Amino acid sequence: MATSGFKHLVVVKFKEDTKVDEILKGLENLVSQIDTVKSFEWGEDKESHEMLRQGFTHAFSMTFENKDGYVAFTSHPLHVEFSAAFTAVIDKIVLLDFPVAAVKSSVVVAP
């Protein structure tokens, strides 16, 4: 099985009064300024049962060419600055960082 980049996956529950739209704009701005981020996706859970969700509401996924790209991202001054603001509004978090084992790659179909 071939590896296909390096993934940074974050699943969070924000604190009650968090302005989530501002956090999302900040994340989108951050990843647009750091070239080592090859892709960025996020979503808000709308379908899971609360028992399965365990309070988590949002997931963020970033893909890097390799672990070195991820390390460059985490040490970038813009990431360091944003992380402080992001951490301040988090109630619960799960972080997973891993080399991607590509089994079936996604194919985007144009509309």
PDB file of N, CA and C in Angstrom:
ATOM      1  N   MET A   1       0.844  -1.175   0.000  1.00  0.00           N
ATOM      2  CA  MET A   1       0.000   0.000   0.000  1.00  0.00           C
ATOM      3  C   MET A   1       0.890   1.240   0.000  1.00  0.00           C
ATOM      4  N   ALA A   2       0.665   2.132  -0.936  1.00  0.00           N
ATOM      5  CA  ALA A   2       1.485   3.323  -1.075  1.00  0.00           C
ATOM      6  C   ALA A   2       1.009   4.423  -0.128  1.00  0.00           C
ATOM      7  N   THR A   3       1.976   5.213   0.344  1.00  0.00           N
ATOM      8  CA  THR A   3       1.577   6.374   1.126  1.00  0.00           C
ATOM      9  C   THR A   3       1.368   7.542   0.175  1.00  0.00           C
ATOM     10  N   SER A   4       0.469   8.407   0.551  1.00  0.00           N
ATOM     11  CA  SER A   4       0.071   9.511  -0.321  1.00  0.00           C
ATOM     12  C   SER A   4      -0.013  10.796   0.496  1.00  0.00           C
ATOM     13  N   GLY A   5       1.111  11.251   0.997  1.00  0.00           N
ATOM     14  CA  GLY A   5       1.138  12.485   1.762  1.00  0.00           C
ATOM     15  C   GLY A   5       1.040  12.251   3.258  1.00  0.00           C
ATOM     16  N   PHE A   6       0.832  13.332   3.956  1.00  0.00           N
ATOM     17  CA  PHE A   6       0.750  13.325   5.414  1.00  0.00           C
ATOM     18  C   PHE A   6      -0.489  14.122   5.806  1.00  0.00           C
ATOM     19  N   LYS A   7      -1.267  13.607   6.740  1.00  0.00           N
ATOM     20  CA  LYS A   7      -2.562  14.187   7.111  1.00  0.00           C
ATOM     21  C   LYS A   7      -2.531  14.716   8.539  1.00  0.00           C
ATOM     22  N   HIS A   8      -3.183  15.862   8.724  1.00  0.00           N
ATOM     23  CA  HIS A   8      -3.382  16.486  10.043  1.00  0.00           C
ATOM     24  C   HIS A   8      -4.894  16.565  10.218  1.00  0.00           C
ATOM     25  N   LEU A   9      -5.439  15.780  11.141  1.00  0.00           N
ATOM     26  CA  LEU A   9      -6.879  15.702  11.360  1.00  0.00           C
ATOM     27  C   LEU A   9      -7.195  16.220  12.757  1.00  0.00           C
ATOM     28  N   VAL A  10      -8.118  17.171  12.834  1.00  0.00           N
ATOM     29  CA  VAL A  10      -8.494  17.798  14.098  1.00  0.00           C
ATOM     30  C   VAL A  10     -10.006  17.704  14.238  1.00  0.00           C
ATOM     31  N   VAL A  11     -10.470  17.186  15.362  1.00  0.00           N
ATOM     32  CA  VAL A  11     -11.900  17.104  15.662  1.00  0.00           C
ATOM     33  C   VAL A  11     -12.111  17.873  16.965  1.00  0.00           C
ATOM     34  N   VAL A  12     -13.062  18.827  16.948  1.00  0.00           N
ATOM     35  CA  VAL A  12     -13.208  19.709  18.104  1.00  0.00           C
ATOM     36  C   VAL A  12     -14.655  19.902  18.535  1.00  0.00           C
ATOM     37  N   LYS A  13     -14.766  20.316  19.774  1.00  0.00           N
ATOM     38  CA  LYS A  13     -15.998  20.880  20.314  1.00  0.00           C
ATOM     39  C   LYS A  13     -15.600  22.266  20.795  1.00  0.00           C
ATOM     40  N   PHE A  14     -16.238  23.292  20.230  1.00  0.00           N
ATOM     41  CA  PHE A  14     -15.928  24.654  20.623  1.00  0.00           C
ATOM     42  C   PHE A  14     -16.629  25.003  21.933  1.00  0.00           C
ATOM     43  N   LYS A  15     -16.067  25.956  22.664  1.00  0.00           N
ATOM     44  CA  LYS A  15     -16.721  26.481  23.859  1.00  0.00           C
ATOM     45  C   LYS A  15     -18.019  27.172  23.444  1.00  0.00           C
ATOM     46  N   GLU A  16     -18.945  27.269  24.386  1.00  0.00           N
ATOM     47  CA  GLU A  16     -20.302  27.769  24.128  1.00  0.00           C
ATOM     48  C   GLU A  16     -20.395  29.067  23.335  1.00  0.00           C
ATOM     49  N   ASP A  17     -19.691  30.107  23.731  1.00  0.00           N
ATOM     50  CA  ASP A  17     -19.869  31.419  23.103  1.00  0.00           C
ATOM     51  C   ASP A  17     -18.879  31.707  21.977  1.00  0.00           C
ATOM     52  N   THR A  18     -18.290  30.668  21.418  1.00  0.00           N
ATOM     53  CA  THR A  18     -17.298  30.842  20.356  1.00  0.00           C
ATOM     54  C   THR A  18     -17.954  31.351  19.076  1.00  0.00           C
ATOM     55  N   LYS A  19     -17.323  32.315  18.454  1.00  0.00           N
ATOM     56  CA  LYS A  19     -17.763  32.807  17.145  1.00  0.00           C
ATOM     57  C   LYS A  19     -17.095  31.924  16.085  1.00  0.00           C
ATOM     58  N   VAL A  20     -17.737  30.803  15.817  1.00  0.00           N
ATOM     59  CA  VAL A  20     -17.160  29.774  14.947  1.00  0.00           C
ATOM     60  C   VAL A  20     -16.850  30.324  13.565  1.00  0.00           C
ATOM     61  N   ASP A  21     -17.706  31.182  13.011  1.00  0.00           N
ATOM     62  CA  ASP A  21     -17.449  31.750  11.682  1.00  0.00           C
ATOM     63  C   ASP A  21     -16.113  32.484  11.636  1.00  0.00           C
ATOM     64  N   GLU A  22     -15.775  33.188  12.709  1.00  0.00           N
ATOM     65  CA  GLU A  22     -14.498  33.897  12.756  1.00  0.00           C
ATOM     66  C   GLU A  22     -13.326  32.918  12.780  1.00  0.00           C
ATOM     67  N   ILE A  23     -13.480  31.830  13.518  1.00  0.00           N
ATOM     68  CA  ILE A  23     -12.430  30.805  13.575  1.00  0.00           C
ATOM     69  C   ILE A  23     -12.247  30.177  12.194  1.00  0.00           C
ATOM     70  N   LEU A  24     -13.358  29.871  11.528  1.00  0.00           N
ATOM     71  CA  LEU A  24     -13.285  29.265  10.196  1.00  0.00           C
ATOM     72  C   LEU A  24     -12.607  30.199   9.198  1.00  0.00           C
ATOM     73  N   LYS A  25     -12.942  31.471   9.239  1.00  0.00           N
ATOM     74  CA  LYS A  25     -12.293  32.447   8.348  1.00  0.00           C
ATOM     75  C   LYS A  25     -10.803  32.519   8.644  1.00  0.00           C
ATOM     76  N   GLY A  26     -10.458  32.485   9.926  1.00  0.00           N
ATOM     77  CA  GLY A  26      -9.050  32.501  10.309  1.00  0.00           C
ATOM     78  C   GLY A  26      -8.301  31.286   9.803  1.00  0.00           C
ATOM     79  N   LEU A  27      -8.929  30.120   9.900  1.00  0.00           N
ATOM     80  CA  LEU A  27      -8.302  28.887   9.393  1.00  0.00           C
ATOM     81  C   LEU A  27      -8.119  28.942   7.882  1.00  0.00           C
ATOM     82  N   GLU A  28      -9.161  29.392   7.180  1.00  0.00           N
ATOM     83  CA  GLU A  28      -9.070  29.483   5.719  1.00  0.00           C
ATOM     84  C   GLU A  28      -7.982  30.471   5.305  1.00  0.00           C
ATOM     85  N   ASN A  29      -7.874  31.563   6.018  1.00  0.00           N
ATOM     86  CA  ASN A  29      -6.826  32.542   5.748  1.00  0.00           C
ATOM     87  C   ASN A  29      -5.443  31.942   6.033  1.00  0.00           C
ATOM     88  N   LEU A  30      -5.331  31.247   7.145  1.00  0.00           N
ATOM     89  CA  LEU A  30      -4.055  30.630   7.523  1.00  0.00           C
ATOM     90  C   LEU A  30      -3.562  29.665   6.454  1.00  0.00           C
ATOM     91  N   VAL A  31      -4.399  28.726   6.055  1.00  0.00           N
ATOM     92  CA  VAL A  31      -3.940  27.709   5.097  1.00  0.00           C
ATOM     93  C   VAL A  31      -3.671  28.302   3.717  1.00  0.00           C
ATOM     94  N   SER A  32      -4.328  29.413   3.384  1.00  0.00           N
ATOM     95  CA  SER A  32      -4.074  30.038   2.079  1.00  0.00           C
ATOM     96  C   SER A  32      -2.715  30.734   2.042  1.00  0.00           C
ATOM     97  N   GLN A  33      -2.159  31.009   3.207  1.00  0.00           N
ATOM     98  CA  GLN A  33      -0.869  31.717   3.278  1.00  0.00           C
ATOM     99  C   GLN A  33       0.331  30.793   3.467  1.00  0.00           C
ATOM    100  N   ILE A  34       0.088  29.509   3.706  1.00  0.00           N
ATOM    101  CA  ILE A  34       1.201  28.580   3.963  1.00  0.00           C
ATOM    102  C   ILE A  34       1.206  27.517   2.866  1.00  0.00           C
ATOM    103  N   ASP A  35       2.236  27.573   2.032  1.00  0.00           N
ATOM    104  CA  ASP A  35       2.300  26.728   0.834  1.00  0.00           C
ATOM    105  C   ASP A  35       2.410  25.239   1.106  1.00  0.00           C
ATOM    106  N   THR A  36       2.881  24.848   2.268  1.00  0.00           N
ATOM    107  CA  THR A  36       3.034  23.408   2.516  1.00  0.00           C
ATOM    108  C   THR A  36       1.696  22.706   2.710  1.00  0.00           C
ATOM    109  N   VAL A  37       0.619  23.477   2.938  1.00  0.00           N
ATOM    110  CA  VAL A  37      -0.723  22.890   3.041  1.00  0.00           C
ATOM    111  C   VAL A  37      -1.209  22.635   1.615  1.00  0.00           C
ATOM    112  N   LYS A  38      -1.330  21.359   1.237  1.00  0.00           N
ATOM    113  CA  LYS A  38      -1.740  21.002  -0.128  1.00  0.00           C
ATOM    114  C   LYS A  38      -3.255  20.975  -0.280  1.00  0.00           C
ATOM    115  N   SER A  39      -3.978  20.625   0.782  1.00  0.00           N
ATOM    116  CA  SER A  39      -5.439  20.686   0.746  1.00  0.00           C
ATOM    117  C   SER A  39      -5.957  20.924   2.157  1.00  0.00           C
ATOM    118  N   PHE A  40      -7.138  21.519   2.227  1.00  0.00           N
ATOM    119  CA  PHE A  40      -7.787  21.799   3.503  1.00  0.00           C
ATOM    120  C   PHE A  40      -9.277  21.603   3.320  1.00  0.00           C
ATOM    121  N   GLU A  41      -9.863  20.775   4.172  1.00  0.00           N
ATOM    122  CA  GLU A  41     -11.305  20.555   4.175  1.00  0.00           C
ATOM    123  C   GLU A  41     -11.785  20.661   5.610  1.00  0.00           C
ATOM    124  N   TRP A  42     -13.027  21.084   5.754  1.00  0.00           N
ATOM    125  CA  TRP A  42     -13.616  21.103   7.087  1.00  0.00           C
ATOM    126  C   TRP A  42     -15.107  20.816   6.949  1.00  0.00           C
ATOM    127  N   GLY A  43     -15.701  20.434   8.054  1.00  0.00           N
ATOM    128  CA  GLY A  43     -17.136  20.198   8.056  1.00  0.00           C
ATOM    129  C   GLY A  43     -17.682  20.247   9.467  1.00  0.00           C
ATOM    130  N   GLU A  44     -18.984  20.515   9.542  1.00  0.00           N
ATOM    131  CA  GLU A  44     -19.695  20.515  10.819  1.00  0.00           C
ATOM    132  C   GLU A  44     -20.623  19.316  10.833  1.00  0.00           C
ATOM    133  N   ASP A  45     -20.559  18.547  11.905  1.00  0.00           N
ATOM    134  CA  ASP A  45     -21.393  17.356  11.995  1.00  0.00           C
ATOM    135  C   ASP A  45     -22.863  17.741  12.056  1.00  0.00           C
ATOM    136  N   LYS A  46     -23.642  17.153  11.179  1.00  0.00           N
ATOM    137  CA  LYS A  46     -25.093  17.409  11.139  1.00  0.00           C
ATOM    138  C   LYS A  46     -25.886  16.109  11.202  1.00  0.00           C
ATOM    139  N   GLU A  47     -25.205  14.982  11.093  1.00  0.00           N
ATOM    140  CA  GLU A  47     -25.899  13.711  10.916  1.00  0.00           C
ATOM    141  C   GLU A  47     -25.754  12.721  12.072  1.00  0.00           C
ATOM    142  N   SER A  48     -24.668  12.787  12.809  1.00  0.00           N
ATOM    143  CA  SER A  48     -24.407  11.780  13.842  1.00  0.00           C
ATOM    144  C   SER A  48     -25.337  11.930  15.039  1.00  0.00           C
ATOM    145  N   HIS A  49     -25.615  10.824  15.677  1.00  0.00           N
ATOM    146  CA  HIS A  49     -26.360  10.857  16.934  1.00  0.00           C
ATOM    147  C   HIS A  49     -25.443  11.417  18.012  1.00  0.00           C
ATOM    148  N   GLU A  50     -26.002  12.187  18.935  1.00  0.00           N
ATOM    149  CA  GLU A  50     -25.209  12.823  19.988  1.00  0.00           C
ATOM    150  C   GLU A  50     -24.364  11.806  20.750  1.00  0.00           C
ATOM    151  N   MET A  51     -24.920  10.631  21.006  1.00  0.00           N
ATOM    152  CA  MET A  51     -24.182   9.606  21.744  1.00  0.00           C
ATOM    153  C   MET A  51     -22.895   9.228  21.001  1.00  0.00           C
ATOM    154  N   LEU A  52     -22.960   9.175  19.699  1.00  0.00           N
ATOM    155  CA  LEU A  52     -21.781   8.817  18.914  1.00  0.00           C
ATOM    156  C   LEU A  52     -20.829   9.997  18.734  1.00  0.00           C
ATOM    157  N   ARG A  53     -21.355  11.177  18.686  1.00  0.00           N
ATOM    158  CA  ARG A  53     -20.582  12.400  18.457  1.00  0.00           C
ATOM    159  C   ARG A  53     -19.736  12.757  19.675  1.00  0.00           C
ATOM    160  N   GLN A  54     -20.218  12.427  20.859  1.00  0.00           N
ATOM    161  CA  GLN A  54     -19.536  12.722  22.123  1.00  0.00           C
ATOM    162  C   GLN A  54     -19.248  14.209  22.306  1.00  0.00           C
ATOM    163  N   GLY A  55     -20.127  15.055  21.754  1.00  0.00           N
ATOM    164  CA  GLY A  55     -19.985  16.489  21.915  1.00  0.00           C
ATOM    165  C   GLY A  55     -19.173  17.182  20.832  1.00  0.00           C
ATOM    166  N   PHE A  56     -18.421  16.419  20.061  1.00  0.00           N
ATOM    167  CA  PHE A  56     -17.615  17.023  19.003  1.00  0.00           C
ATOM    168  C   PHE A  56     -18.517  17.526  17.882  1.00  0.00           C
ATOM    169  N   THR A  57     -18.172  18.674  17.316  1.00  0.00           N
ATOM    170  CA  THR A  57     -19.040  19.289  16.310  1.00  0.00           C
ATOM    171  C   THR A  57     -18.369  19.556  14.973  1.00  0.00           C
ATOM    172  N   HIS A  58     -17.073  19.783  14.966  1.00  0.00           N
ATOM    173  CA  HIS A  58     -16.379  20.171  13.739  1.00  0.00           C
ATOM    174  C   HIS A  58     -15.140  19.298  13.506  1.00  0.00           C
ATOM    175  N   ALA A  59     -14.852  19.069  12.226  1.00  0.00           N
ATOM    176  CA  ALA A  59     -13.646  18.326  11.838  1.00  0.00           C
ATOM    177  C   ALA A  59     -12.882  19.147  10.802  1.00  0.00           C
ATOM    178  N   PHE A  60     -11.576  19.136  10.925  1.00  0.00           N
ATOM    179  CA  PHE A  60     -10.695  19.862  10.015  1.00  0.00           C
ATOM    180  C   PHE A  60      -9.622  18.890   9.535  1.00  0.00           C
ATOM    181  N   SER A  61      -9.367  18.901   8.239  1.00  0.00           N
ATOM    182  CA  SER A  61      -8.394  17.992   7.662  1.00  0.00           C
ATOM    183  C   SER A  61      -7.462  18.760   6.734  1.00  0.00           C
ATOM    184  N   MET A  62      -6.173  18.595   6.961  1.00  0.00           N
ATOM    185  CA  MET A  62      -5.168  19.206   6.092  1.00  0.00           C
ATOM    186  C   MET A  62      -4.264  18.105   5.564  1.00  0.00           C
ATOM    187  N   THR A  63      -3.881  18.258   4.305  1.00  0.00           N
ATOM    188  CA  THR A  63      -2.973  17.296   3.690  1.00  0.00           C
ATOM    189  C   THR A  63      -1.691  18.015   3.302  1.00  0.00           C
ATOM    190  N   PHE A  64      -0.580  17.330   3.555  1.00  0.00           N
ATOM    191  CA  PHE A  64       0.743  17.847   3.233  1.00  0.00           C
ATOM    192  C   PHE A  64       1.439  16.826   2.333  1.00  0.00           C
ATOM    193  N   GLU A  65       2.415  17.285   1.576  1.00  0.00           N
ATOM    194  CA  GLU A  65       3.142  16.367   0.689  1.00  0.00           C
ATOM    195  C   GLU A  65       3.859  15.286   1.489  1.00  0.00           C
ATOM    196  N   ASN A  66       4.378  15.665   2.659  1.00  0.00           N
ATOM    197  CA  ASN A  66       5.105  14.720   3.511  1.00  0.00           C
ATOM    198  C   ASN A  66       5.160  15.287   4.934  1.00  0.00           C
ATOM    199  N   LYS A  67       5.776  14.523   5.833  1.00  0.00           N
ATOM    200  CA  LYS A  67       5.852  14.960   7.228  1.00  0.00           C
ATOM    201  C   LYS A  67       6.651  16.254   7.362  1.00  0.00           C
ATOM    202  N   ASP A  68       7.663  16.443   6.534  1.00  0.00           N
ATOM    203  CA  ASP A  68       8.447  17.679   6.595  1.00  0.00           C
ATOM    204  C   ASP A  68       7.568  18.900   6.316  1.00  0.00           C
ATOM    205  N   GLY A  69       6.627  18.767   5.383  1.00  0.00           N
ATOM    206  CA  GLY A  69       5.691  19.859   5.100  1.00  0.00           C
ATOM    207  C   GLY A  69       4.815  20.166   6.295  1.00  0.00           C
ATOM    208  N   TYR A  70       4.391  19.110   6.993  1.00  0.00           N
ATOM    209  CA  TYR A  70       3.582  19.277   8.202  1.00  0.00           C
ATOM    210  C   TYR A  70       4.399  19.984   9.296  1.00  0.00           C
ATOM    211  N   VAL A  71       5.622  19.554   9.490  1.00  0.00           N
ATOM    212  CA  VAL A  71       6.488  20.163  10.505  1.00  0.00           C
ATOM    213  C   VAL A  71       6.731  21.638  10.177  1.00  0.00           C
ATOM    214  N   ALA A  72       6.939  21.949   8.909  1.00  0.00           N
ATOM    215  CA  ALA A  72       7.124  23.351   8.504  1.00  0.00           C
ATOM    216  C   ALA A  72       5.864  24.163   8.815  1.00  0.00           C
ATOM    217  N   PHE A  73       4.696  23.565   8.605  1.00  0.00           N
ATOM    218  CA  PHE A  73       3.427  24.236   8.901  1.00  0.00           C
ATOM    219  C   PHE A  73       3.303  24.517  10.395  1.00  0.00           C
ATOM    220  N   THR A  74       3.560  23.512  11.228  1.00  0.00           N
ATOM    221  CA  THR A  74       3.365  23.684  12.673  1.00  0.00           C
ATOM    222  C   THR A  74       4.337  24.689  13.278  1.00  0.00           C
ATOM    223  N   SER A  75       5.501  24.860  12.659  1.00  0.00           N
ATOM    224  CA  SER A  75       6.472  25.808  13.193  1.00  0.00           C
ATOM    225  C   SER A  75       6.374  27.191  12.538  1.00  0.00           C
ATOM    226  N   HIS A  76       5.512  27.330  11.535  1.00  0.00           N
ATOM    227  CA  HIS A  76       5.346  28.619  10.853  1.00  0.00           C
ATOM    228  C   HIS A  76       4.787  29.651  11.841  1.00  0.00           C
ATOM    229  N   PRO A  77       5.328  30.868  11.851  1.00  0.00           N
ATOM    230  CA  PRO A  77       4.856  31.897  12.800  1.00  0.00           C
ATOM    231  C   PRO A  77       3.348  32.163  12.720  1.00  0.00           C
ATOM    232  N   LEU A  78       2.757  32.113  11.533  1.00  0.00           N
ATOM    233  CA  LEU A  78       1.312  32.338  11.418  1.00  0.00           C
ATOM    234  C   LEU A  78       0.522  31.220  12.100  1.00  0.00           C
ATOM    235  N   HIS A  79       1.008  29.979  11.989  1.00  0.00           N
ATOM    236  CA  HIS A  79       0.343  28.859  12.659  1.00  0.00           C
ATOM    237  C   HIS A  79       0.488  28.978  14.170  1.00  0.00           C
ATOM    238  N   VAL A  80       1.664  29.324  14.631  1.00  0.00           N
ATOM    239  CA  VAL A  80       1.906  29.474  16.070  1.00  0.00           C
ATOM    240  C   VAL A  80       0.960  30.531  16.639  1.00  0.00           C
ATOM    241  N   GLU A  81       0.824  31.647  15.934  1.00  0.00           N
ATOM    242  CA  GLU A  81      -0.059  32.727  16.391  1.00  0.00           C
ATOM    243  C   GLU A  81      -1.526  32.279  16.373  1.00  0.00           C
ATOM    244  N   PHE A  82      -1.963  31.639  15.282  1.00  0.00           N
ATOM    245  CA  PHE A  82      -3.355  31.208  15.183  1.00  0.00           C
ATOM    246  C   PHE A  82      -3.678  30.133  16.214  1.00  0.00           C
ATOM    247  N   SER A  83      -2.744  29.247  16.472  1.00  0.00           N
ATOM    248  CA  SER A  83      -2.981  28.149  17.416  1.00  0.00           C
ATOM    249  C   SER A  83      -3.347  28.655  18.808  1.00  0.00           C
ATOM    250  N   ALA A  84      -2.756  29.756  19.209  1.00  0.00           N
ATOM    251  CA  ALA A  84      -3.064  30.322  20.526  1.00  0.00           C
ATOM    252  C   ALA A  84      -4.535  30.742  20.583  1.00  0.00           C
ATOM    253  N   ALA A  85      -5.024  31.403  19.537  1.00  0.00           N
ATOM    254  CA  ALA A  85      -6.427  31.829  19.492  1.00  0.00           C
ATOM    255  C   ALA A  85      -7.348  30.614  19.370  1.00  0.00           C
ATOM    256  N   PHE A  86      -6.968  29.639  18.560  1.00  0.00           N
ATOM    257  CA  PHE A  86      -7.769  28.437  18.345  1.00  0.00           C
ATOM    258  C   PHE A  86      -7.901  27.645  19.650  1.00  0.00           C
ATOM    259  N   THR A  87      -6.804  27.445  20.323  1.00  0.00           N
ATOM    260  CA  THR A  87      -6.789  26.686  21.568  1.00  0.00           C
ATOM    261  C   THR A  87      -7.668  27.337  22.630  1.00  0.00           C
ATOM    262  N   ALA A  88      -7.714  28.654  22.635  1.00  0.00           N
ATOM    263  CA  ALA A  88      -8.486  29.385  23.654  1.00  0.00           C
ATOM    264  C   ALA A  88      -9.991  29.142  23.554  1.00  0.00           C
ATOM    265  N   VAL A  89     -10.495  28.719  22.385  1.00  0.00           N
ATOM    266  CA  VAL A  89     -11.939  28.538  22.197  1.00  0.00           C
ATOM    267  C   VAL A  89     -12.356  27.070  22.126  1.00  0.00           C
ATOM    268  N   ILE A  90     -11.422  26.171  22.442  1.00  0.00           N
ATOM    269  CA  ILE A  90     -11.686  24.734  22.352  1.00  0.00           C
ATOM    270  C   ILE A  90     -12.119  24.182  23.705  1.00  0.00           C
ATOM    271  N   ASP A  91     -13.230  23.449  23.694  1.00  0.00           N
ATOM    272  CA  ASP A  91     -13.690  22.744  24.886  1.00  0.00           C
ATOM    273  C   ASP A  91     -13.093  21.341  24.922  1.00  0.00           C
ATOM    274  N   LYS A  92     -13.142  20.630  23.774  1.00  0.00           N
ATOM    275  CA  LYS A  92     -12.576  19.277  23.647  1.00  0.00           C
ATOM    276  C   LYS A  92     -11.921  19.167  22.281  1.00  0.00           C
ATOM    277  N   ILE A  93     -10.852  18.356  22.204  1.00  0.00           N
ATOM    278  CA  ILE A  93     -10.149  18.213  20.924  1.00  0.00           C
ATOM    279  C   ILE A  93      -9.543  16.817  20.801  1.00  0.00           C
ATOM    280  N   VAL A  94      -9.528  16.307  19.582  1.00  0.00           N
ATOM    281  CA  VAL A  94      -8.783  15.098  19.228  1.00  0.00           C
ATOM    282  C   VAL A  94      -7.927  15.470  18.025  1.00  0.00           C
ATOM    283  N   LEU A  95      -6.654  15.154  18.102  1.00  0.00           N
ATOM    284  CA  LEU A  95      -5.704  15.444  17.032  1.00  0.00           C
ATOM    285  C   LEU A  95      -5.065  14.156  16.572  1.00  0.00           C
ATOM    286  N   LEU A  96      -5.032  13.935  15.265  1.00  0.00           N
ATOM    287  CA  LEU A  96      -4.335  12.788  14.699  1.00  0.00           C
ATOM    288  C   LEU A  96      -3.461  13.282  13.556  1.00  0.00           C
ATOM    289  N   ASP A  97      -2.200  12.884  13.561  1.00  0.00           N
ATOM    290  CA  ASP A  97      -1.253  13.245  12.506  1.00  0.00           C
ATOM    291  C   ASP A  97      -0.635  11.955  11.998  1.00  0.00           C
ATOM    292  N   PHE A  98      -0.744  11.702  10.677  1.00  0.00           N
ATOM    293  CA  PHE A  98      -0.347  10.382  10.176  1.00  0.00           C
ATOM    294  C   PHE A  98      -0.016  10.408   8.692  1.00  0.00           C
ATOM    295  N   PRO A  99       0.892   9.493   8.271  1.00  0.00           N
ATOM    296  CA  PRO A  99       1.110   9.314   6.843  1.00  0.00           C
ATOM    297  C   PRO A  99      -0.130   8.650   6.247  1.00  0.00           C
ATOM    298  N   VAL A 100      -0.547   9.129   5.093  1.00  0.00           N
ATOM    299  CA  VAL A 100      -1.766   8.626   4.458  1.00  0.00           C
ATOM    300  C   VAL A 100      -1.473   7.324   3.721  1.00  0.00           C
ATOM    301  N   ALA A 101      -2.265   6.308   4.001  1.00  0.00           N
ATOM    302  CA  ALA A 101      -2.219   5.045   3.259  1.00  0.00           C
ATOM    303  C   ALA A 101      -3.358   5.096   2.252  1.00  0.00           C
ATOM    304  N   ALA A 102      -3.026   5.390   0.995  1.00  0.00           N
ATOM    305  CA  ALA A 102      -4.048   5.545  -0.032  1.00  0.00           C
ATOM    306  C   ALA A 102      -4.545   4.195  -0.514  1.00  0.00           C
ATOM    307  N   VAL A 103      -5.822   3.940  -0.310  1.00  0.00           N
ATOM    308  CA  VAL A 103      -6.461   2.716  -0.775  1.00  0.00           C
ATOM    309  C   VAL A 103      -7.316   3.030  -1.995  1.00  0.00           C
ATOM    310  N   LYS A 104      -8.119   4.071  -1.870  1.00  0.00           N
ATOM    311  CA  LYS A 104      -8.950   4.533  -2.970  1.00  0.00           C
ATOM    312  C   LYS A 104      -8.999   6.048  -2.898  1.00  0.00           C
ATOM    313  N   SER A 105      -8.319   6.703  -3.827  1.00  0.00           N
ATOM    314  CA  SER A 105      -8.269   8.163  -3.815  1.00  0.00           C
ATOM    315  C   SER A 105      -9.583   8.742  -4.284  1.00  0.00           C
ATOM    316  N   SER A 106      -9.891   9.930  -3.757  1.00  0.00           N
ATOM    317  CA  SER A 106     -11.120  10.598  -4.158  1.00  0.00           C
ATOM    318  C   SER A 106     -10.954  11.191  -5.556  1.00  0.00           C
ATOM    319  N   VAL A 107     -12.055  11.218  -6.263  1.00  0.00           N
ATOM    320  CA  VAL A 107     -12.080  11.830  -7.581  1.00  0.00           C
ATOM    321  C   VAL A 107     -13.156  12.907  -7.545  1.00  0.00           C
ATOM    322  N   VAL A 108     -12.762  14.109  -7.886  1.00  0.00           N
ATOM    323  CA  VAL A 108     -13.702  15.227  -7.887  1.00  0.00           C
ATOM    324  C   VAL A 108     -14.298  15.341  -9.279  1.00  0.00           C
ATOM    325  N   VAL A 109     -15.627  15.315  -9.344  1.00  0.00           N
ATOM    326  CA  VAL A 109     -16.315  15.435 -10.616  1.00  0.00           C
ATOM    327  C   VAL A 109     -16.797  16.869 -10.762  1.00  0.00           C
ATOM    328  N   ALA A 110     -16.426  17.497 -11.859  1.00  0.00           N
ATOM    329  CA  ALA A 110     -16.852  18.878 -12.088  1.00  0.00           C
ATOM    330  C   ALA A 110     -18.357  18.946 -12.306  1.00  0.00           C
ATOM    331  N   PRO A 111     -18.993  20.020 -11.784  1.00  0.00           N
ATOM    332  CA  PRO A 111     -20.452  20.140 -11.955  1.00  0.00           C
ATOM    333  C   PRO A 111     -20.865  20.356 -13.394  1.00  0.00           C
TER     334      PRO A 111
END
